[in-house]
């Protein structure tokens, strides 16, 4: 079994890496549709609609173009082109809405932002 560490992780917006990522997660889901017929003794399903989402935390730098694009997207309702590189041979590419942008501050600490993305349309795995 191969084991990978986070040193190869990159979250990109518009083709450029977003700096200051503290943590991130991606969730890919596939709905199923129940097609069990009367008289069947076992449930039967077919694949339905798939979707994805992502969330994470980053250090806030408003002067950074990618961070500014994420912040602007939540205000305008525009989508952003995202790529999550988990390691050299695993990427998830999607178009997403920024559904949450939550800055937080603490005394004598750096500003962090918790964010959430909802994928729209097809995503690809590479």
Protein backbone atom coordinates (compact mmCIF):
# COMPACT_ATOMS: atom_id res chain seq x y z
CA UNK A 1 0.00 0.00 0.00
CA UNK A 2 1.37 3.39 -0.98
CA UNK A 3 1.41 6.09 1.66
CA UNK A 4 1.46 9.76 0.69
CA UNK A 5 2.20 12.82 2.79
CA UNK A 6 0.83 16.32 2.44
CA UNK A 7 4.02 17.83 1.05
CA UNK A 8 2.67 17.36 -2.50
CA UNK A 9 -0.75 18.92 -1.84
CA UNK A 10 -1.65 22.00 -3.90
CA UNK A 11 -4.97 23.85 -4.13
CA UNK A 12 -5.05 25.96 -7.32
CA UNK A 13 -7.51 28.61 -8.46
CA UNK A 14 -7.30 29.79 -12.03
CA UNK A 15 -4.18 27.71 -12.59
CA UNK A 16 -2.12 29.21 -9.75
CA UNK A 17 -1.53 27.72 -6.29
CA UNK A 18 -3.32 29.32 -3.34
CA UNK A 19 -0.79 30.10 -0.60
CA UNK A 20 -1.27 29.56 3.10
CA UNK A 21 -3.44 26.45 3.10
CA UNK A 22 -3.73 25.15 6.65
CA UNK A 23 -5.97 22.18 5.86
CA UNK A 24 -8.44 21.08 3.20
CA UNK A 25 -10.76 18.23 2.34
CA UNK A 26 -12.64 17.16 -0.77
CA UNK A 27 -15.82 15.08 -0.73
CA UNK A 28 -17.06 13.30 -3.85
CA UNK A 29 -20.54 11.76 -3.67
CA UNK A 30 -22.74 9.63 -5.89
CA UNK A 31 -26.46 9.41 -5.29
CA UNK A 32 -28.20 6.14 -6.00
CA UNK A 33 -31.74 5.57 -7.25
CA UNK A 34 -33.80 2.70 -5.87
CA UNK A 35 -35.13 0.57 -8.76
CA UNK A 36 -36.41 -2.32 -6.68
CA UNK A 37 -39.51 -3.88 -8.22
CA UNK A 38 -42.51 -5.36 -6.46
CA UNK A 39 -41.81 -9.00 -5.71
CA UNK A 40 -38.01 -8.57 -5.47
CA UNK A 41 -36.43 -9.89 -2.30
CA UNK A 42 -33.33 -7.69 -2.56
CA UNK A 43 -33.07 -3.96 -3.13
CA UNK A 44 -31.62 -2.87 -6.46
CA UNK A 45 -30.01 0.48 -7.22
CA UNK A 46 -28.59 2.33 -10.22
CA UNK A 47 -26.16 5.20 -10.10
CA UNK A 48 -27.65 8.66 -10.03
CA UNK A 49 -26.23 12.14 -9.85
CA UNK A 50 -22.69 12.75 -8.64
CA UNK A 51 -21.38 15.90 -7.01
CA UNK A 52 -18.49 17.17 -5.00
CA UNK A 53 -17.55 19.76 -2.45
CA UNK A 54 -14.46 21.01 -0.70
CA UNK A 55 -13.68 22.89 2.47
CA UNK A 56 -10.64 24.11 4.29
CA UNK A 57 -8.81 26.81 6.14
CA UNK A 58 -6.16 29.22 4.89
CA UNK A 59 -4.13 32.17 6.06
CA UNK A 60 -5.71 35.37 4.75
CA UNK A 61 -3.69 37.53 2.36
CA UNK A 62 -6.02 39.92 0.56
CA UNK A 63 -3.19 41.02 -1.74
CA UNK A 64 -2.92 37.49 -3.18
CA UNK A 65 -4.77 37.17 -6.51
CA UNK A 66 -6.18 33.67 -5.84
CA UNK A 67 -7.42 34.53 -2.35
CA UNK A 68 -8.97 37.73 -3.71
CA UNK A 69 -10.68 35.69 -6.47
CA UNK A 70 -12.20 33.31 -3.90
CA UNK A 71 -13.39 36.23 -1.79
CA UNK A 72 -14.84 38.04 -4.83
CA UNK A 73 -16.61 34.87 -6.01
CA UNK A 74 -18.59 34.52 -2.80
CA UNK A 75 -19.78 38.12 -3.13
CA UNK A 76 -20.63 37.96 -6.84
CA UNK A 77 -21.93 34.40 -7.16
CA UNK A 78 -19.33 33.64 -9.85
CA UNK A 79 -17.64 30.26 -10.15
CA UNK A 80 -13.94 29.54 -9.82
CA UNK A 81 -11.83 26.94 -11.63
CA UNK A 82 -10.18 24.72 -9.00
CA UNK A 83 -7.60 21.95 -9.03
CA UNK A 84 -6.76 19.90 -5.96
CA UNK A 85 -3.46 18.07 -6.36
CA UNK A 86 -3.35 15.39 -3.68
CA UNK A 87 0.02 14.07 -4.85
CA UNK A 88 1.88 13.82 -8.16
CA UNK A 89 -0.54 11.32 -9.73
CA UNK A 90 -3.88 12.36 -8.21
CA UNK A 91 -5.79 15.51 -9.08
CA UNK A 92 -9.41 16.62 -8.85
CA UNK A 93 -10.40 19.36 -11.28
CA UNK A 94 -13.71 21.19 -10.87
CA UNK A 95 -15.65 24.38 -11.32
CA UNK A 96 -17.11 25.51 -8.01
CA UNK A 97 -19.17 28.12 -6.23
CA UNK A 98 -17.66 29.56 -3.06
CA UNK A 99 -20.57 28.94 -0.69
CA UNK A 100 -18.90 30.06 2.52
CA UNK A 101 -16.10 32.50 3.34
CA UNK A 102 -15.58 32.89 7.06
CA UNK A 103 -12.66 35.04 8.27
CA UNK A 104 -11.68 34.70 11.92
CA UNK A 105 -9.24 36.59 14.10
CA UNK A 106 -7.79 36.15 17.56
CA UNK A 107 -5.63 38.39 19.69
CA UNK A 108 -1.97 38.19 18.62
CA UNK A 109 -2.72 35.69 15.86
CA UNK A 110 -2.93 35.74 12.07
CA UNK A 111 -6.20 36.10 10.21
CA UNK A 112 -7.55 32.78 8.94
CA UNK A 113 -10.43 32.03 6.61
CA UNK A 114 -12.61 28.92 6.64
CA UNK A 115 -14.05 28.31 3.17
CA UNK A 116 -16.48 25.92 1.50
CA UNK A 117 -16.87 25.15 -2.20
CA UNK A 118 -19.72 23.40 -4.02
CA UNK A 119 -18.76 21.81 -7.33
CA UNK A 120 -21.02 22.50 -10.29
CA UNK A 121 -21.09 20.48 -13.49
CA UNK A 122 -18.73 17.61 -14.17
CA UNK A 123 -15.51 17.19 -12.23
CA UNK A 124 -12.57 15.10 -13.37
CA UNK A 125 -10.10 12.84 -11.61
CA UNK A 126 -6.60 12.61 -12.93
